[in-house]
Amino acid sequence: MAHFARIDKNNIVQSIHIIDDVHLLNEHGVEEEDFGIVYLNNVHGVGFTWVQTSPDRSFRKNSAGVGNTYDSTRDAFIPAQPYPSWTLNETTCRWDYPVAYPDDGKHYVWDEAITNWKEIT
């Protein structure tokens, strides 16, 4: 099954659509993203922007999710920034926390007010 994200004019993912792989096959039996886009335009009408995504993150850095941004320069889906103090990792296109998660076997939650991890008790 192939997964496609419908992107709005601000490059925000609006929805995810799953289609059968057969709709991606060219005349040589090779999958091509453009064939999936043509199929989706035939089903939903033109005027939408479609970008293929991968649930296992095998391409485009991350799997698309509603509310994520598609960055065409990086050719990557970027999740929403979880906290203002977190920074975008340019390699993974995921958000890095400013303080490493404690490695002591306890459970923590991020506390933006103190910009650090807070133990869950």
Protein backbone atom coordinates (compact mmCIF):
# COMPACT_ATOMS: atom_id res chain seq x y z
CA MET A 1 0.00 0.00 0.00
CA ALA A 2 1.21 3.49 -0.82
CA HIS A 3 0.68 6.45 1.48
CA PHE A 4 0.22 10.02 0.28
CA ALA A 5 -0.09 13.26 2.22
CA ARG A 6 -2.43 15.98 0.98
CA ILE A 7 -0.62 19.28 1.51
CA ASP A 8 -2.22 22.72 1.74
CA LYS A 9 -0.83 25.97 0.29
CA ASN A 10 1.29 26.46 3.46
CA ASN A 11 2.82 22.96 3.10
CA ILE A 12 0.88 21.64 6.09
CA VAL A 13 -0.33 18.03 5.92
CA GLN A 14 -4.13 18.02 5.88
CA SER A 15 -4.78 14.29 5.51
CA ILE A 16 -3.18 10.95 4.68
CA HIS A 17 -4.54 8.75 1.89
CA ILE A 18 -3.67 5.12 1.29
CA ILE A 19 -3.88 3.62 -2.17
CA ASP A 20 -3.06 0.24 -3.65
CA ASP A 21 0.48 -0.02 -5.04
CA VAL A 22 -0.95 -0.96 -8.44
CA HIS A 23 -1.85 2.72 -8.94
CA LEU A 24 1.85 3.64 -8.87
CA LEU A 25 2.98 1.26 -11.59
CA ASN A 26 4.26 2.61 -14.89
CA GLU A 27 4.15 0.65 -18.17
CA HIS A 28 7.24 -1.32 -17.06
CA GLY A 29 5.76 -2.30 -13.71
CA VAL A 30 7.96 0.16 -11.77
CA GLU A 31 6.43 2.28 -9.00
CA GLU A 32 6.44 6.02 -9.66
CA GLU A 33 5.10 8.67 -7.31
CA ASP A 34 3.67 10.69 -10.21
CA PHE A 35 1.36 7.82 -11.17
CA GLY A 36 -0.06 7.81 -7.65
CA ILE A 37 -0.61 11.56 -7.86
CA VAL A 38 -2.49 11.18 -11.15
CA TYR A 39 -4.65 8.49 -9.57
CA LEU A 40 -5.42 10.66 -6.53
CA ASN A 41 -6.28 13.63 -8.77
CA ASN A 42 -8.69 11.38 -10.70
CA VAL A 43 -10.34 10.26 -7.45
CA HIS A 44 -10.37 13.59 -5.56
CA GLY A 45 -10.20 16.12 -8.36
CA VAL A 46 -7.38 18.44 -9.26
CA GLY A 47 -6.27 21.32 -7.09
CA PHE A 48 -4.64 19.30 -4.34
CA THR A 49 -0.95 18.84 -3.72
CA TRP A 50 0.07 15.26 -3.01
CA VAL A 51 3.39 14.01 -1.64
CA GLN A 52 4.16 10.35 -1.07
CA THR A 53 5.14 9.40 2.45
CA SER A 54 6.46 6.27 4.11
CA PRO A 55 5.12 4.87 7.39
CA ASP A 56 8.53 3.33 8.13
CA ARG A 57 10.39 6.61 7.41
CA SER A 58 12.39 4.95 4.63
CA PHE A 59 12.27 8.20 2.66
CA ARG A 60 11.49 11.87 3.31
CA LYS A 61 13.04 11.59 6.81
CA ASN A 62 9.74 11.12 8.70
CA SER A 63 6.35 9.67 8.11
CA ALA A 64 3.81 12.38 7.36
CA GLY A 65 1.17 13.13 9.95
CA VAL A 66 -1.72 15.57 9.97
CA GLY A 67 -0.35 18.94 11.06
CA ASN A 68 3.23 18.16 9.99
CA THR A 69 5.01 20.39 7.49
CA TYR A 70 6.42 19.23 4.18
CA ASP A 71 9.70 21.01 3.46
CA SER A 72 10.42 20.69 -0.26
CA THR A 73 13.95 22.05 0.11
CA ARG A 74 14.85 19.26 2.54
CA ASP A 75 12.39 16.86 0.85
CA ALA A 76 11.23 15.94 4.34
CA PHE A 77 8.18 15.85 6.55
CA ILE A 78 8.79 17.74 9.78
CA PRO A 79 6.59 17.25 12.84
CA ALA A 80 5.33 20.27 14.73
CA GLN A 81 7.83 21.70 17.19
CA PRO A 82 6.85 20.23 20.56
CA TYR A 83 8.44 22.97 22.69
CA PRO A 84 10.05 26.36 21.92
CA SER A 85 13.36 25.27 23.46
CA TRP A 86 13.74 22.24 21.18
CA THR A 87 15.78 22.66 17.98
CA LEU A 88 15.43 21.08 14.59
CA ASN A 89 18.03 18.45 13.79
CA GLU A 90 18.97 19.21 10.18
CA THR A 91 20.02 15.60 9.53
CA THR A 92 16.95 13.79 10.86
CA CYS A 93 14.41 16.64 10.56
CA ARG A 94 13.23 15.74 14.06
CA TRP A 95 13.27 17.94 17.15
CA ASP A 96 16.15 17.62 19.61
CA TYR A 97 15.70 18.49 23.27
CA PRO A 98 18.29 20.85 24.76
CA VAL A 99 19.09 18.53 27.69
CA ALA A 100 19.75 14.81 27.27
CA TYR A 101 17.10 12.46 28.60
CA PRO A 102 18.34 11.02 31.92
CA ASP A 103 19.73 7.51 31.65
CA ASP A 104 18.92 6.28 35.16
CA GLY A 105 15.99 3.96 34.45
CA LYS A 106 13.39 6.40 35.80
CA HIS A 107 10.60 7.99 33.78
CA TYR A 108 10.59 11.67 32.90
CA VAL A 109 8.46 14.24 31.15
CA TRP A 110 9.74 17.44 29.57
CA ASP A 111 9.03 20.60 31.61
CA GLU A 112 9.36 23.65 29.38
CA ALA A 113 9.10 26.05 32.36
CA ILE A 114 12.44 24.82 33.67
CA THR A 115 13.71 23.59 30.27
CA ASN A 116 14.63 20.25 31.74
CA TRP A 117 13.28 16.79 32.43
CA LYS A 118 11.02 16.29 35.42
CA GLU A 119 10.75 12.88 37.03
CA ILE A 120 7.32 11.27 36.92
CA THR A 121 6.52 10.12 40.44
